[in-house]
Amino acid sequence: MSQNKRNTTDSSNATNSQTAATLKSHVSFDTYPEEKLDKLMGKCWTDCLIKGGAGFGIGFLVTLLFIRRMWPPILGSSFGLGVSYKECERNLQSQTKCEAADKVNENKLA
């Protein structure tokens, strides 16, 4: 009889674990805003390093091949940093949506 009870509890535990696994795979929980911002800023910094470095590299090649001055790498890295800054700003504005102050005040009054 005790063996019979064990079998029923084992099967119910297996069913509960399967249900929990199914819920975990189908339900996506919202992340904290700080985590979302941290992820976006990480992308911004990575983009900044890549585009700034690419601009510096292209400017350095121009310096080696054509002009023997220092301004092409500086100009290239500046263009790369400017493009990455603008893209980061656009991503942050599109991902962080805030309500207008008028709508917030109307909701509190209603």
C-alpha atoms as a PDB file:
ATOM      1  CA  MET A   1       0.000   0.000   0.000  1.00  0.00           C
ATOM      2  CA  SER A   2       2.834   2.396   0.761  1.00  0.00           C
ATOM      3  CA  GLN A   3       4.306   1.500  -2.604  1.00  0.00           C
ATOM      4  CA  ASN A   4       1.018   2.443  -4.269  1.00  0.00           C
ATOM      5  CA  LYS A   5       1.054   5.873  -2.595  1.00  0.00           C
ATOM      6  CA  ARG A   6       4.624   6.462  -3.740  1.00  0.00           C
ATOM      7  CA  ASN A   7       3.706   5.762  -7.329  1.00  0.00           C
ATOM      8  CA  THR A   8       0.817   8.210  -7.264  1.00  0.00           C
ATOM      9  CA  THR A   9       2.907  10.952  -5.668  1.00  0.00           C
ATOM     10  CA  ASP A  10       5.750  10.368  -8.111  1.00  0.00           C
ATOM     11  CA  SER A  11       3.399  10.676 -11.057  1.00  0.00           C
ATOM     12  CA  SER A  12       1.826  13.857  -9.665  1.00  0.00           C
ATOM     13  CA  ASN A  13       5.282  15.368  -9.056  1.00  0.00           C
ATOM     14  CA  ALA A  14       6.275  14.490 -12.607  1.00  0.00           C
ATOM     15  CA  THR A  15       3.092  16.142 -13.906  1.00  0.00           C
ATOM     16  CA  ASN A  16       3.727  19.264 -11.831  1.00  0.00           C
ATOM     17  CA  SER A  17       7.315  19.543 -13.058  1.00  0.00           C
ATOM     18  CA  GLN A  18       6.157  19.107 -16.655  1.00  0.00           C
ATOM     19  CA  THR A  19       3.519  21.796 -16.173  1.00  0.00           C
ATOM     20  CA  ALA A  20       6.070  24.143 -14.616  1.00  0.00           C
ATOM     21  CA  ALA A  21       8.484  23.516 -17.479  1.00  0.00           C
ATOM     22  CA  THR A  22       5.723  24.205 -19.990  1.00  0.00           C
ATOM     23  CA  LEU A  23       4.790  27.459 -18.235  1.00  0.00           C
ATOM     24  CA  LYS A  24       8.393  28.591 -18.124  1.00  0.00           C
ATOM     25  CA  SER A  25       8.841  28.012 -21.829  1.00  0.00           C
ATOM     26  CA  HIS A  26       5.605  29.741 -22.876  1.00  0.00           C
ATOM     27  CA  VAL A  27       5.403  32.641 -20.435  1.00  0.00           C
ATOM     28  CA  SER A  28       7.851  35.495 -20.851  1.00  0.00           C
ATOM     29  CA  PHE A  29       8.254  37.633 -17.787  1.00  0.00           C
ATOM     30  CA  ASP A  30       8.906  41.343 -18.106  1.00  0.00           C
ATOM     31  CA  THR A  31      12.405  42.433 -17.265  1.00  0.00           C
ATOM     32  CA  TYR A  32      13.256  45.325 -15.034  1.00  0.00           C
ATOM     33  CA  PRO A  33      13.693  48.698 -16.771  1.00  0.00           C
ATOM     34  CA  GLU A  34      17.249  48.868 -15.459  1.00  0.00           C
ATOM     35  CA  GLU A  35      18.104  45.615 -17.227  1.00  0.00           C
ATOM     36  CA  LYS A  36      16.585  46.900 -20.455  1.00  0.00           C
ATOM     37  CA  LEU A  37      18.552  50.149 -20.188  1.00  0.00           C
ATOM     38  CA  ASP A  38      21.731  48.240 -19.355  1.00  0.00           C
ATOM     39  CA  LYS A  39      21.293  46.077 -22.455  1.00  0.00           C
ATOM     40  CA  LEU A  40      20.668  49.118 -24.654  1.00  0.00           C
ATOM     41  CA  MET A  41      23.692  50.952 -23.273  1.00  0.00           C
ATOM     42  CA  GLY A  42      25.835  47.874 -23.836  1.00  0.00           C
ATOM     43  CA  LYS A  43      24.754  47.867 -27.470  1.00  0.00           C
ATOM     44  CA  CYS A  44      25.511  51.584 -27.704  1.00  0.00           C
ATOM     45  CA  TRP A  45      29.026  51.181 -26.320  1.00  0.00           C
ATOM     46  CA  THR A  46      29.730  48.240 -28.602  1.00  0.00           C
ATOM     47  CA  ASP A  47      28.433  50.158 -31.605  1.00  0.00           C
ATOM     48  CA  CYS A  48      30.550  53.154 -30.611  1.00  0.00           C
ATOM     49  CA  LEU A  49      33.729  51.085 -30.412  1.00  0.00           C
ATOM     50  CA  ILE A  50      33.089  49.306 -33.701  1.00  0.00           C
ATOM     51  CA  LYS A  51      32.145  52.352 -35.752  1.00  0.00           C
ATOM     52  CA  GLY A  52      34.757  54.612 -34.185  1.00  0.00           C
ATOM     53  CA  GLY A  53      37.425  51.979 -34.726  1.00  0.00           C
ATOM     54  CA  ALA A  54      36.335  51.387 -38.319  1.00  0.00           C
ATOM     55  CA  GLY A  55      36.451  55.122 -39.009  1.00  0.00           C
ATOM     56  CA  PHE A  56      39.910  55.358 -37.466  1.00  0.00           C
ATOM     57  CA  GLY A  57      41.085  52.388 -39.524  1.00  0.00           C
ATOM     58  CA  ILE A  58      39.809  53.853 -42.788  1.00  0.00           C
ATOM     59  CA  GLY A  59      41.384  57.196 -41.911  1.00  0.00           C
ATOM     60  CA  PHE A  60      44.665  55.475 -41.100  1.00  0.00           C
ATOM     61  CA  LEU A  61      44.644  53.708 -44.484  1.00  0.00           C
ATOM     62  CA  VAL A  62      44.024  57.035 -46.215  1.00  0.00           C
ATOM     63  CA  THR A  63      46.932  58.473 -44.266  1.00  0.00           C
ATOM     64  CA  LEU A  64      49.240  55.646 -45.316  1.00  0.00           C
ATOM     65  CA  LEU A  65      48.213  55.655 -48.959  1.00  0.00           C
ATOM     66  CA  PHE A  66      47.549  59.273 -49.881  1.00  0.00           C
ATOM     67  CA  ILE A  67      48.071  62.006 -47.311  1.00  0.00           C
ATOM     68  CA  ARG A  68      50.805  62.071 -44.689  1.00  0.00           C
ATOM     69  CA  ARG A  69      48.767  63.962 -42.070  1.00  0.00           C
ATOM     70  CA  MET A  70      47.054  63.019 -38.827  1.00  0.00           C
ATOM     71  CA  TRP A  71      43.625  64.523 -39.550  1.00  0.00           C
ATOM     72  CA  PRO A  72      42.114  61.642 -41.657  1.00  0.00           C
ATOM     73  CA  PRO A  73      42.084  59.118 -38.761  1.00  0.00           C
ATOM     74  CA  ILE A  74      40.716  61.765 -36.407  1.00  0.00           C
ATOM     75  CA  LEU A  75      38.056  62.767 -38.903  1.00  0.00           C
ATOM     76  CA  GLY A  76      37.126  59.151 -39.641  1.00  0.00           C
ATOM     77  CA  SER A  77      36.790  58.232 -35.978  1.00  0.00           C
ATOM     78  CA  SER A  78      34.741  61.394 -35.379  1.00  0.00           C
ATOM     79  CA  PHE A  79      32.326  60.441 -38.148  1.00  0.00           C
ATOM     80  CA  GLY A  80      32.045  56.906 -36.752  1.00  0.00           C
ATOM     81  CA  LEU A  81      31.385  58.157 -33.240  1.00  0.00           C
ATOM     82  CA  GLY A  82      28.804  60.644 -34.502  1.00  0.00           C
ATOM     83  CA  VAL A  83      26.889  57.983 -36.417  1.00  0.00           C
ATOM     84  CA  SER A  84      26.928  55.614 -33.442  1.00  0.00           C
ATOM     85  CA  TYR A  85      25.761  58.398 -31.102  1.00  0.00           C
ATOM     86  CA  LYS A  86      22.827  59.236 -33.362  1.00  0.00           C
ATOM     87  CA  GLU A  87      21.829  55.579 -33.682  1.00  0.00           C
ATOM     88  CA  CYS A  88      22.090  55.093 -29.911  1.00  0.00           C
ATOM     89  CA  GLU A  89      19.910  58.131 -29.317  1.00  0.00           C
ATOM     90  CA  ARG A  90      17.301  56.814 -31.765  1.00  0.00           C
ATOM     91  CA  ASN A  91      17.315  53.357 -30.132  1.00  0.00           C
ATOM     92  CA  LEU A  92      16.929  54.794 -26.640  1.00  0.00           C
ATOM     93  CA  GLN A  93      14.041  57.034 -27.675  1.00  0.00           C
ATOM     94  CA  SER A  94      12.212  54.220 -29.444  1.00  0.00           C
ATOM     95  CA  GLN A  95      12.690  51.727 -26.580  1.00  0.00           C
ATOM     96  CA  THR A  96      11.876  54.004 -23.663  1.00  0.00           C
ATOM     97  CA  LYS A  97       8.312  55.162 -24.131  1.00  0.00           C
ATOM     98  CA  CYS A  98       7.013  57.614 -21.580  1.00  0.00           C
ATOM     99  CA  GLU A  99       3.538  59.023 -21.217  1.00  0.00           C
ATOM    100  CA  ALA A 100       3.020  62.733 -21.569  1.00  0.00           C
ATOM    101  CA  ALA A 101       2.569  64.634 -18.310  1.00  0.00           C
ATOM    102  CA  ASP A 102      -0.968  65.660 -19.331  1.00  0.00           C
ATOM    103  CA  LYS A 103      -2.099  62.047 -19.645  1.00  0.00           C
ATOM    104  CA  VAL A 104      -0.561  61.105 -16.298  1.00  0.00           C
ATOM    105  CA  ASN A 105      -2.315  63.997 -14.537  1.00  0.00           C
ATOM    106  CA  GLU A 106      -5.655  63.134 -16.206  1.00  0.00           C
ATOM    107  CA  ASN A 107      -5.383  59.521 -15.028  1.00  0.00           C
ATOM    108  CA  LYS A 108      -4.737  60.611 -11.451  1.00  0.00           C
ATOM    109  CA  LEU A 109      -7.729  62.962 -11.463  1.00  0.00           C
ATOM    110  CA  ALA A 110     -10.140  60.428 -12.948  1.00  0.00           C
END
